[in-house]
Amino acid sequence: MRAFLLTTVFVAALAACSPPAQQAERPDTPPGPTTIACNDVAPNAARQITVSDEVVTAAAASDLRGGSITPGTYDLVSAMRVGGATGWNGARAVALSVSEDQSGAVTFNWAGAEAGGETDRWTATFTETPQPRMSYTCGRVGEVAADFAAQNNTLQLRLQDGASGQLALEFQRRS
């Protein structure tokens, strides 16, 4: 038994003096949280817009007759409150990229940024039938009603904002 104990102590001492086994390199600090960017749309910082305090009545904003939305990138040129919309505070630049795939599915990619602030991004699938709706696929969740009018290089959207209001947004297509 004594020989066994001496052998065990000798092997343990030898193992303690041996260099450590090679280990895969690992970073000193774990990586931070991964941020998922919904899109790479860039708002035009020179086109800062504030939500107008002039409240538009729902009747005046209801005459959005649809139309054919031309794919491309649009810049926000005006934003007004409808009903009890809260909108955003301060000025921000907003760009909306519109694309259409082979099957006719329309995708909206939104990017809005306050001067010197982070960019708010979301992506949504837009459908016109039976009623215009947006289904968020990144950056936001859910589905909302969306009235719209498209004519020439102008796109008007009316989107739910808060519990009892909407934002009336007007975009101009970039040339």
N, C-alpha and C. Protein backbone atom coordinates (compact mmCIF):
# COMPACT_ATOMS: atom_id res chain seq x y z
N MET A 1 0.83 -1.18 0.00
CA MET A 1 0.00 0.00 0.00
C MET A 1 0.88 1.25 0.00
N ARG A 2 2.01 1.19 0.75
CA ARG A 2 2.91 2.32 0.83
C ARG A 2 3.51 2.61 -0.55
N ALA A 3 3.82 1.59 -1.31
CA ALA A 3 4.38 1.77 -2.65
C ALA A 3 3.35 2.45 -3.56
N PHE A 4 2.10 2.06 -3.40
CA PHE A 4 1.03 2.67 -4.20
C PHE A 4 0.89 4.15 -3.87
N LEU A 5 0.93 4.51 -2.58
CA LEU A 5 0.81 5.91 -2.17
C LEU A 5 2.00 6.72 -2.66
N LEU A 6 3.19 6.18 -2.57
CA LEU A 6 4.37 6.89 -3.04
C LEU A 6 4.31 7.10 -4.56
N THR A 7 3.84 6.11 -5.27
CA THR A 7 3.72 6.23 -6.72
C THR A 7 2.68 7.30 -7.07
N THR A 8 1.59 7.33 -6.33
CA THR A 8 0.54 8.31 -6.57
C THR A 8 1.06 9.72 -6.31
N VAL A 9 1.80 9.91 -5.21
CA VAL A 9 2.36 11.22 -4.88
C VAL A 9 3.37 11.62 -5.94
N PHE A 10 4.20 10.69 -6.41
CA PHE A 10 5.20 10.98 -7.43
C PHE A 10 4.53 11.41 -8.74
N VAL A 11 3.49 10.70 -9.15
CA VAL A 11 2.79 11.03 -10.39
C VAL A 11 2.10 12.39 -10.26
N ALA A 12 1.52 12.67 -9.10
CA ALA A 12 0.87 13.96 -8.88
C ALA A 12 1.88 15.10 -8.93
N ALA A 13 3.04 14.91 -8.33
CA ALA A 13 4.09 15.93 -8.34
C ALA A 13 4.60 16.15 -9.76
N LEU A 14 4.77 15.08 -10.49
CA LEU A 14 5.23 15.19 -11.86
C LEU A 14 4.20 15.93 -12.72
N ALA A 15 2.93 15.66 -12.51
CA ALA A 15 1.87 16.34 -13.26
C ALA A 15 1.82 17.83 -12.93
N ALA A 16 2.10 18.16 -11.67
CA ALA A 16 2.09 19.56 -11.26
C ALA A 16 3.22 20.34 -11.91
N CYS A 17 4.33 19.68 -12.19
CA CYS A 17 5.48 20.35 -12.80
C CYS A 17 5.39 20.40 -14.32
N SER A 18 4.50 19.64 -14.89
CA SER A 18 4.37 19.60 -16.34
C SER A 18 3.68 20.88 -16.83
N PRO A 19 4.03 21.35 -18.04
CA PRO A 19 3.34 22.52 -18.57
C PRO A 19 1.86 22.17 -18.84
N PRO A 20 0.99 23.15 -18.75
CA PRO A 20 -0.43 22.86 -18.98
C PRO A 20 -0.67 22.44 -20.43
N ALA A 21 -1.69 21.66 -20.61
CA ALA A 21 -2.06 21.24 -21.96
C ALA A 21 -2.48 22.47 -22.76
N GLN A 22 -2.22 22.44 -24.06
CA GLN A 22 -2.58 23.58 -24.89
C GLN A 22 -4.10 23.72 -24.92
N GLN A 23 -4.54 24.96 -24.78
CA GLN A 23 -5.96 25.25 -24.81
C GLN A 23 -6.26 26.19 -25.97
N ALA A 24 -7.43 26.06 -26.51
CA ALA A 24 -7.84 26.95 -27.59
C ALA A 24 -7.87 28.38 -27.05
N GLU A 25 -7.44 29.32 -27.89
CA GLU A 25 -7.47 30.71 -27.46
C GLU A 25 -8.91 31.18 -27.28
N ARG A 26 -9.16 31.86 -26.19
CA ARG A 26 -10.48 32.42 -25.91
C ARG A 26 -10.31 33.90 -25.62
N PRO A 27 -11.27 34.70 -26.02
CA PRO A 27 -11.15 36.13 -25.70
C PRO A 27 -11.22 36.35 -24.20
N ASP A 28 -10.54 37.41 -23.74
CA ASP A 28 -10.54 37.74 -22.31
C ASP A 28 -11.92 38.13 -21.82
N THR A 29 -12.70 38.78 -22.69
CA THR A 29 -14.05 39.19 -22.30
C THR A 29 -15.04 38.56 -23.25
N PRO A 30 -16.17 38.15 -22.73
CA PRO A 30 -17.16 37.56 -23.62
C PRO A 30 -17.71 38.62 -24.57
N PRO A 31 -18.13 38.20 -25.77
CA PRO A 31 -18.68 39.18 -26.70
C PRO A 31 -19.96 39.79 -26.16
N GLY A 32 -20.21 41.04 -26.53
CA GLY A 32 -21.43 41.74 -26.09
C GLY A 32 -22.64 41.21 -26.83
N PRO A 33 -23.80 41.75 -26.51
CA PRO A 33 -25.01 41.29 -27.18
C PRO A 33 -24.96 41.63 -28.67
N THR A 34 -25.51 40.76 -29.46
CA THR A 34 -25.54 40.96 -30.91
C THR A 34 -26.74 41.83 -31.26
N THR A 35 -26.47 42.88 -32.03
CA THR A 35 -27.55 43.76 -32.47
C THR A 35 -27.94 43.33 -33.88
N ILE A 36 -29.20 43.09 -34.08
CA ILE A 36 -29.67 42.70 -35.40
C ILE A 36 -30.17 43.95 -36.11
N ALA A 37 -29.56 44.24 -37.24
CA ALA A 37 -30.00 45.38 -38.04
C ALA A 37 -31.04 44.88 -39.03
N CYS A 38 -32.20 45.47 -38.99
CA CYS A 38 -33.29 45.04 -39.87
C CYS A 38 -33.02 45.39 -41.32
N ASN A 39 -32.28 46.45 -41.56
CA ASN A 39 -32.01 46.89 -42.93
C ASN A 39 -30.81 47.83 -42.92
N ASP A 40 -30.40 48.24 -44.09
CA ASP A 40 -29.25 49.15 -44.19
C ASP A 40 -29.64 50.49 -44.82
N VAL A 41 -30.90 50.86 -44.70
CA VAL A 41 -31.38 52.12 -45.24
C VAL A 41 -30.73 53.27 -44.47
N ALA A 42 -30.34 54.31 -45.20
CA ALA A 42 -29.69 55.47 -44.58
C ALA A 42 -30.57 56.71 -44.71
N PRO A 43 -31.05 57.25 -43.58
CA PRO A 43 -31.82 58.49 -43.66
C PRO A 43 -30.92 59.66 -44.06
N ASN A 44 -31.50 60.62 -44.76
CA ASN A 44 -30.78 61.81 -45.17
C ASN A 44 -30.80 62.80 -44.00
N ALA A 45 -29.69 62.95 -43.31
CA ALA A 45 -29.61 63.79 -42.11
C ALA A 45 -29.97 65.24 -42.38
N ALA A 46 -29.89 65.68 -43.63
CA ALA A 46 -30.23 67.06 -43.97
C ALA A 46 -31.74 67.29 -44.04
N ARG A 47 -32.53 66.22 -43.95
CA ARG A 47 -33.99 66.34 -44.05
C ARG A 47 -34.65 66.00 -42.73
N GLN A 48 -34.37 66.78 -41.71
CA GLN A 48 -34.95 66.58 -40.38
C GLN A 48 -36.40 67.07 -40.37
N ILE A 49 -37.31 66.25 -39.85
CA ILE A 49 -38.73 66.57 -39.82
C ILE A 49 -39.23 66.46 -38.37
N THR A 50 -40.09 67.37 -37.97
CA THR A 50 -40.78 67.24 -36.68
C THR A 50 -42.25 66.93 -36.97
N VAL A 51 -42.90 66.27 -36.04
CA VAL A 51 -44.33 65.98 -36.20
C VAL A 51 -45.07 67.28 -35.97
N SER A 52 -45.89 67.64 -36.93
CA SER A 52 -46.64 68.89 -36.86
C SER A 52 -47.62 68.85 -35.70
N ASP A 53 -47.69 69.95 -34.96
CA ASP A 53 -48.65 70.04 -33.87
C ASP A 53 -50.05 70.35 -34.40
N GLU A 54 -50.15 70.66 -35.68
CA GLU A 54 -51.45 70.89 -36.30
C GLU A 54 -52.12 69.52 -36.42
N VAL A 55 -53.17 69.31 -35.66
CA VAL A 55 -53.84 68.02 -35.65
C VAL A 55 -54.82 67.95 -36.81
N VAL A 56 -54.66 66.91 -37.63
CA VAL A 56 -55.53 66.69 -38.77
C VAL A 56 -56.71 65.84 -38.32
N THR A 57 -57.90 66.20 -38.74
CA THR A 57 -59.07 65.39 -38.38
C THR A 57 -59.04 64.09 -39.17
N ALA A 58 -59.62 63.06 -38.62
CA ALA A 58 -59.65 61.77 -39.28
C ALA A 58 -60.35 61.86 -40.63
N ALA A 59 -61.39 62.67 -40.75
CA ALA A 59 -62.11 62.80 -42.01
C ALA A 59 -61.21 63.40 -43.09
N ALA A 60 -60.42 64.41 -42.75
CA ALA A 60 -59.54 65.05 -43.73
C ALA A 60 -58.43 64.11 -44.18
N ALA A 61 -58.02 63.21 -43.32
CA ALA A 61 -56.92 62.31 -43.66
C ALA A 61 -57.41 61.00 -44.26
N SER A 62 -58.72 60.80 -44.36
CA SER A 62 -59.23 59.49 -44.78
C SER A 62 -59.25 59.28 -46.28
N ASP A 63 -59.01 60.29 -47.08
CA ASP A 63 -59.11 60.17 -48.52
C ASP A 63 -57.82 59.67 -49.16
N LEU A 64 -57.32 58.56 -48.67
CA LEU A 64 -56.13 57.95 -49.25
C LEU A 64 -56.60 56.81 -50.14
N ARG A 65 -56.43 56.96 -51.44
CA ARG A 65 -57.06 56.07 -52.40
C ARG A 65 -56.15 54.96 -52.93
N GLY A 66 -55.07 54.66 -52.27
CA GLY A 66 -54.21 53.57 -52.75
C GLY A 66 -53.36 54.01 -53.91
N GLY A 67 -53.19 53.11 -54.86
CA GLY A 67 -52.38 53.40 -56.03
C GLY A 67 -51.25 52.40 -56.15
N SER A 68 -50.43 52.61 -57.15
CA SER A 68 -49.29 51.73 -57.40
C SER A 68 -48.04 52.36 -56.79
N ILE A 69 -47.47 51.67 -55.81
CA ILE A 69 -46.28 52.18 -55.12
C ILE A 69 -45.05 51.81 -55.94
N THR A 70 -44.29 52.82 -56.32
CA THR A 70 -43.07 52.60 -57.09
C THR A 70 -41.93 52.22 -56.15
N PRO A 71 -41.27 51.07 -56.41
CA PRO A 71 -40.12 50.71 -55.57
C PRO A 71 -39.04 51.80 -55.61
N GLY A 72 -38.32 51.94 -54.52
CA GLY A 72 -37.26 52.92 -54.41
C GLY A 72 -37.14 53.40 -52.98
N THR A 73 -36.31 54.41 -52.78
CA THR A 73 -36.11 54.98 -51.45
C THR A 73 -36.79 56.33 -51.39
N TYR A 74 -37.53 56.52 -50.31
CA TYR A 74 -38.31 57.75 -50.10
C TYR A 74 -37.82 58.45 -48.84
N ASP A 75 -37.85 59.78 -48.86
CA ASP A 75 -37.52 60.58 -47.68
C ASP A 75 -38.79 61.19 -47.13
N LEU A 76 -38.92 61.20 -45.81
CA LEU A 76 -40.07 61.81 -45.16
C LEU A 76 -39.99 63.33 -45.32
N VAL A 77 -41.10 63.94 -45.79
CA VAL A 77 -41.13 65.39 -45.97
C VAL A 77 -42.14 66.06 -45.05
N SER A 78 -43.09 65.29 -44.49
CA SER A 78 -44.00 65.87 -43.50
C SER A 78 -44.61 64.76 -42.65
N ALA A 79 -44.98 65.13 -41.42
CA ALA A 79 -45.63 64.21 -40.49
C ALA A 79 -46.63 65.01 -39.67
N MET A 80 -47.88 64.53 -39.62
CA MET A 80 -48.94 65.22 -38.86
C MET A 80 -49.69 64.21 -38.00
N ARG A 81 -50.23 64.70 -36.91
CA ARG A 81 -51.00 63.87 -36.01
C ARG A 81 -52.45 63.76 -36.47
N VAL A 82 -53.03 62.57 -36.30
CA VAL A 82 -54.44 62.33 -36.57
C VAL A 82 -55.03 61.78 -35.29
N GLY A 83 -56.07 62.44 -34.77
CA GLY A 83 -56.66 61.98 -33.52
C GLY A 83 -55.69 62.18 -32.36
N GLY A 84 -55.57 61.17 -31.50
CA GLY A 84 -54.72 61.27 -30.31
C GLY A 84 -53.32 60.72 -30.51
N ALA A 85 -52.76 60.88 -31.69
CA ALA A 85 -51.41 60.38 -31.95
C ALA A 85 -50.39 61.11 -31.10
N THR A 86 -49.37 60.39 -30.68
CA THR A 86 -48.31 60.99 -29.87
C THR A 86 -47.11 61.38 -30.71
N GLY A 87 -46.83 60.62 -31.76
CA GLY A 87 -45.69 60.94 -32.61
C GLY A 87 -44.39 60.81 -31.85
N TRP A 88 -43.36 61.43 -32.34
CA TRP A 88 -42.08 61.42 -31.67
C TRP A 88 -41.75 62.85 -31.27
N ASN A 89 -40.81 62.99 -30.37
CA ASN A 89 -40.38 64.31 -29.92
C ASN A 89 -39.12 64.70 -30.68
N GLY A 90 -39.00 65.96 -30.99
CA GLY A 90 -37.80 66.44 -31.66
C GLY A 90 -37.82 66.16 -33.15
N ALA A 91 -36.76 66.59 -33.81
CA ALA A 91 -36.62 66.40 -35.25
C ALA A 91 -35.92 65.08 -35.54
N ARG A 92 -36.30 64.49 -36.64
CA ARG A 92 -35.63 63.27 -37.08
C ARG A 92 -35.70 63.17 -38.59
N ALA A 93 -34.70 62.51 -39.16
CA ALA A 93 -34.68 62.21 -40.59
C ALA A 93 -35.17 60.77 -40.74
N VAL A 94 -36.04 60.55 -41.72
CA VAL A 94 -36.60 59.22 -41.94
C VAL A 94 -36.50 58.88 -43.42
N ALA A 95 -36.06 57.65 -43.69
CA ALA A 95 -36.05 57.12 -45.05
C ALA A 95 -36.84 55.82 -45.05
N LEU A 96 -37.54 55.58 -46.14
CA LEU A 96 -38.33 54.37 -46.31
C LEU A 96 -37.95 53.77 -47.65
N SER A 97 -37.43 52.55 -47.61
CA SER A 97 -37.10 51.84 -48.83
C SER A 97 -38.24 50.88 -49.13
N VAL A 98 -38.73 50.92 -50.36
CA VAL A 98 -39.84 50.07 -50.79
C VAL A 98 -39.31 49.12 -51.86
N SER A 99 -39.56 47.83 -51.66
CA SER A 99 -39.16 46.85 -52.66
C SER A 99 -40.31 45.89 -52.93
N GLU A 100 -40.26 45.26 -54.09
CA GLU A 100 -41.30 44.31 -54.48
C GLU A 100 -40.60 43.09 -55.06
N ASP A 101 -40.99 41.89 -54.60
CA ASP A 101 -40.36 40.69 -55.13
C ASP A 101 -41.14 40.16 -56.34
N GLN A 102 -40.68 39.04 -56.90
CA GLN A 102 -41.28 38.48 -58.12
C GLN A 102 -42.77 38.14 -57.95
N SER A 103 -43.17 37.78 -56.72
CA SER A 103 -44.56 37.40 -56.49
C SER A 103 -45.45 38.61 -56.23
N GLY A 104 -44.86 39.80 -56.16
CA GLY A 104 -45.64 41.01 -55.93
C GLY A 104 -45.69 41.44 -54.48
N ALA A 105 -45.02 40.70 -53.58
CA ALA A 105 -45.00 41.07 -52.16
C ALA A 105 -44.17 42.34 -51.99
N VAL A 106 -44.73 43.30 -51.25
CA VAL A 106 -44.08 44.60 -51.03
C VAL A 106 -43.48 44.62 -49.62
N THR A 107 -42.23 45.08 -49.53
CA THR A 107 -41.53 45.19 -48.25
C THR A 107 -41.16 46.64 -48.01
N PHE A 108 -41.45 47.12 -46.79
CA PHE A 108 -41.04 48.45 -46.35
C PHE A 108 -39.88 48.29 -45.37
N ASN A 109 -38.79 49.01 -45.61
CA ASN A 109 -37.66 49.09 -44.69
C ASN A 109 -37.55 50.53 -44.23
N TRP A 110 -37.73 50.76 -42.92
CA TRP A 110 -37.76 52.09 -42.30
C TRP A 110 -36.47 52.33 -41.55
N ALA A 111 -35.95 53.54 -41.65
CA ALA A 111 -34.83 53.97 -40.82
C ALA A 111 -35.05 55.43 -40.45
N GLY A 112 -35.10 55.71 -39.16
CA GLY A 112 -35.30 57.07 -38.67
C GLY A 112 -34.27 57.40 -37.61
N ALA A 113 -33.70 58.59 -37.68
CA ALA A 113 -32.67 58.95 -36.71
C ALA A 113 -32.78 60.41 -36.30
N GLU A 114 -32.66 60.64 -35.00
CA GLU A 114 -32.54 62.00 -34.50
C GLU A 114 -31.12 62.45 -34.76
N ALA A 115 -30.90 63.75 -34.84
CA ALA A 115 -29.55 64.27 -35.06
C ALA A 115 -28.62 63.75 -33.98
N GLY A 116 -27.58 63.05 -34.38
CA GLY A 116 -26.60 62.52 -33.44
C GLY A 116 -27.08 61.32 -32.64
N GLY A 117 -28.26 60.81 -32.92
CA GLY A 117 -28.80 59.69 -32.15
C GLY A 117 -28.71 58.37 -32.91
N GLU A 118 -29.16 57.32 -32.24
CA GLU A 118 -29.19 56.00 -32.87
C GLU A 118 -30.30 55.94 -33.90
N THR A 119 -30.14 55.03 -34.84
CA THR A 119 -31.14 54.86 -35.90
C THR A 119 -32.15 53.80 -35.48
N ASP A 120 -33.43 54.17 -35.57
CA ASP A 120 -34.53 53.26 -35.31
C ASP A 120 -34.87 52.57 -36.63
N ARG A 121 -34.84 51.24 -36.64
CA ARG A 121 -35.08 50.51 -37.88
C ARG A 121 -36.18 49.48 -37.70
N TRP A 122 -36.98 49.31 -38.73
CA TRP A 122 -37.92 48.20 -38.76
C TRP A 122 -38.17 47.80 -40.20
N THR A 123 -38.67 46.58 -40.35
CA THR A 123 -39.03 46.04 -41.66
C THR A 123 -40.44 45.48 -41.54
N ALA A 124 -41.24 45.66 -42.58
CA ALA A 124 -42.61 45.15 -42.58
C ALA A 124 -43.01 44.73 -43.98
N THR A 125 -43.87 43.73 -44.03
CA THR A 125 -44.49 43.32 -45.29
C THR A 125 -45.79 44.11 -45.42
N PHE A 126 -46.00 44.69 -46.58
CA PHE A 126 -47.18 45.51 -46.82
C PHE A 126 -48.11 44.76 -47.77
N THR A 127 -49.38 44.64 -47.38
CA THR A 127 -50.37 44.01 -48.26
C THR A 127 -51.54 44.98 -48.44
N GLU A 128 -52.13 44.95 -49.62
CA GLU A 128 -53.24 45.86 -49.94
C GLU A 128 -54.61 45.21 -49.80
N THR A 129 -54.69 43.90 -49.88
CA THR A 129 -55.99 43.24 -49.87
C THR A 129 -56.12 42.28 -48.72
N PRO A 130 -57.26 42.10 -48.13
CA PRO A 130 -58.51 42.80 -48.45
C PRO A 130 -58.48 44.25 -47.97
N GLN A 131 -57.67 44.57 -46.96
CA GLN A 131 -57.48 45.95 -46.52
C GLN A 131 -55.98 46.16 -46.35
N PRO A 132 -55.48 47.38 -46.62
CA PRO A 132 -54.05 47.63 -46.46
C PRO A 132 -53.59 47.37 -45.01
N ARG A 133 -52.51 46.57 -44.89
CA ARG A 133 -51.97 46.21 -43.57
C ARG A 133 -50.46 46.08 -43.67
N MET A 134 -49.82 46.33 -42.55
CA MET A 134 -48.38 46.10 -42.43
C MET A 134 -48.16 45.04 -41.36
N SER A 135 -47.36 44.05 -41.70
CA SER A 135 -46.97 43.01 -40.75
C SER A 135 -45.48 43.17 -40.49
N TYR A 136 -45.15 43.57 -39.27
CA TYR A 136 -43.74 43.79 -38.93
C TYR A 136 -43.00 42.46 -38.88
N THR A 137 -41.82 42.44 -39.48
CA THR A 137 -41.00 41.23 -39.50
C THR A 137 -39.67 41.41 -38.78
N CYS A 138 -39.31 42.65 -38.47
CA CYS A 138 -38.06 42.92 -37.76
C CYS A 138 -38.15 44.29 -37.10
N GLY A 139 -37.65 44.40 -35.88
CA GLY A 139 -37.60 45.68 -35.19
C GLY A 139 -38.87 46.04 -34.44
N ARG A 140 -39.98 45.53 -34.84
CA ARG A 140 -41.27 45.71 -34.17
C ARG A 140 -42.05 44.42 -34.34
N VAL A 141 -43.09 44.26 -33.58
CA VAL A 141 -43.92 43.07 -33.69
C VAL A 141 -45.36 43.45 -33.92
N GLY A 142 -46.09 42.57 -34.57
CA GLY A 142 -47.51 42.77 -34.75
C GLY A 142 -47.88 43.15 -36.16
N GLU A 143 -49.13 43.51 -36.28
CA GLU A 143 -49.72 43.88 -37.56
C GLU A 143 -50.61 45.09 -37.33
N VAL A 144 -50.55 46.07 -38.23
CA VAL A 144 -51.37 47.27 -38.09
C VAL A 144 -52.03 47.64 -39.41
N ALA A 145 -53.17 48.31 -39.31
CA ALA A 145 -53.83 48.84 -40.50
C ALA A 145 -52.98 49.98 -41.04
N ALA A 146 -52.97 50.13 -42.35
CA ALA A 146 -52.16 51.18 -42.98
C ALA A 146 -52.88 51.70 -44.20
N ASP A 147 -53.36 52.92 -44.14
CA ASP A 147 -53.95 53.55 -45.32
C ASP A 147 -52.82 54.19 -46.11
N PHE A 148 -53.00 54.27 -47.44
CA PHE A 148 -51.93 54.85 -48.25
C PHE A 148 -52.47 55.44 -49.53
N ALA A 149 -51.66 56.30 -50.11
CA ALA A 149 -51.90 56.84 -51.44
C ALA A 149 -50.55 57.00 -52.11
N ALA A 150 -50.47 56.54 -53.35
CA ALA A 150 -49.23 56.65 -54.11
C ALA A 150 -49.54 57.32 -55.44
N GLN A 151 -48.79 58.38 -55.74
CA GLN A 151 -49.00 59.09 -56.98
C GLN A 151 -47.70 59.75 -57.38
N ASN A 152 -47.29 59.55 -58.61
CA ASN A 152 -46.02 60.07 -59.12
C ASN A 152 -44.89 59.65 -58.17
N ASN A 153 -44.18 60.61 -57.61
CA ASN A 153 -43.07 60.30 -56.71
C ASN A 153 -43.42 60.52 -55.25
N THR A 154 -44.72 60.57 -54.94
CA THR A 154 -45.17 60.82 -53.57
C THR A 154 -45.84 59.57 -53.01
N LEU A 155 -45.54 59.26 -51.76
CA LEU A 155 -46.17 58.16 -51.05
C LEU A 155 -46.68 58.70 -49.72
N GLN A 156 -47.97 58.56 -49.48
CA GLN A 156 -48.57 58.97 -48.22
C GLN A 156 -48.96 57.71 -47.45
N LEU A 157 -48.61 57.66 -46.19
CA LEU A 157 -48.97 56.55 -45.31
C LEU A 157 -49.67 57.10 -44.09
N ARG A 158 -50.65 56.40 -43.61
CA ARG A 158 -51.28 56.73 -42.34
C ARG A 158 -51.19 55.47 -41.49
N LEU A 159 -50.41 55.56 -40.41
CA LEU A 159 -50.11 54.41 -39.55
C LEU A 159 -50.60 54.64 -38.13
N GLN A 160 -51.01 53.57 -37.49
CA GLN A 160 -51.45 53.63 -36.10
C GLN A 160 -50.32 54.16 -35.22
N ASP A 161 -50.64 55.08 -34.32
CA ASP A 161 -49.66 55.63 -33.39
C ASP A 161 -50.34 55.84 -32.05
N GLY A 162 -50.02 55.02 -31.10
CA GLY A 162 -50.66 55.11 -29.79
C GLY A 162 -52.02 54.42 -29.81
N ALA A 163 -52.72 54.51 -28.71
CA ALA A 163 -54.00 53.81 -28.57
C ALA A 163 -55.12 54.44 -29.38
N SER A 164 -55.08 55.76 -29.60
CA SER A 164 -56.23 56.40 -30.25
C SER A 164 -55.82 57.39 -31.33
N GLY A 165 -54.72 57.12 -32.01
CA GLY A 165 -54.31 58.06 -33.03
C GLY A 165 -53.51 57.42 -34.14
N GLN A 166 -53.21 58.23 -35.13
CA GLN A 166 -52.41 57.82 -36.27
C GLN A 166 -51.47 58.95 -36.65
N LEU A 167 -50.41 58.58 -37.37
CA LEU A 167 -49.53 59.58 -37.97
C LEU A 167 -49.78 59.59 -39.46
N ALA A 168 -49.97 60.78 -40.02
CA ALA A 168 -50.08 60.96 -41.46
C ALA A 168 -48.69 61.35 -41.96
N LEU A 169 -48.08 60.46 -42.71
CA LEU A 169 -46.70 60.65 -43.17
C LEU A 169 -46.67 60.83 -44.68
N GLU A 170 -45.90 61.80 -45.15
CA GLU A 170 -45.75 62.00 -46.59
C GLU A 170 -44.27 61.86 -46.95
N PHE A 171 -44.01 61.04 -47.94
CA PHE A 171 -42.66 60.76 -48.42
C PHE A 171 -42.51 61.20 -49.87
N GLN A 172 -41.31 61.64 -50.24
CA GLN A 172 -40.95 61.95 -51.62
C GLN A 172 -39.87 60.96 -52.05
N ARG A 173 -40.03 60.42 -53.24
CA ARG A 173 -39.06 59.46 -53.76
C ARG A 173 -37.76 60.16 -54.14
N ARG A 174 -36.64 59.56 -53.75
CA ARG A 174 -35.34 60.11 -54.13
C ARG A 174 -35.13 59.90 -55.63
N SER A 175 -34.45 60.87 -56.24
CA SER A 175 -34.20 60.74 -57.69
C SER A 175 -32.89 60.08 -57.97
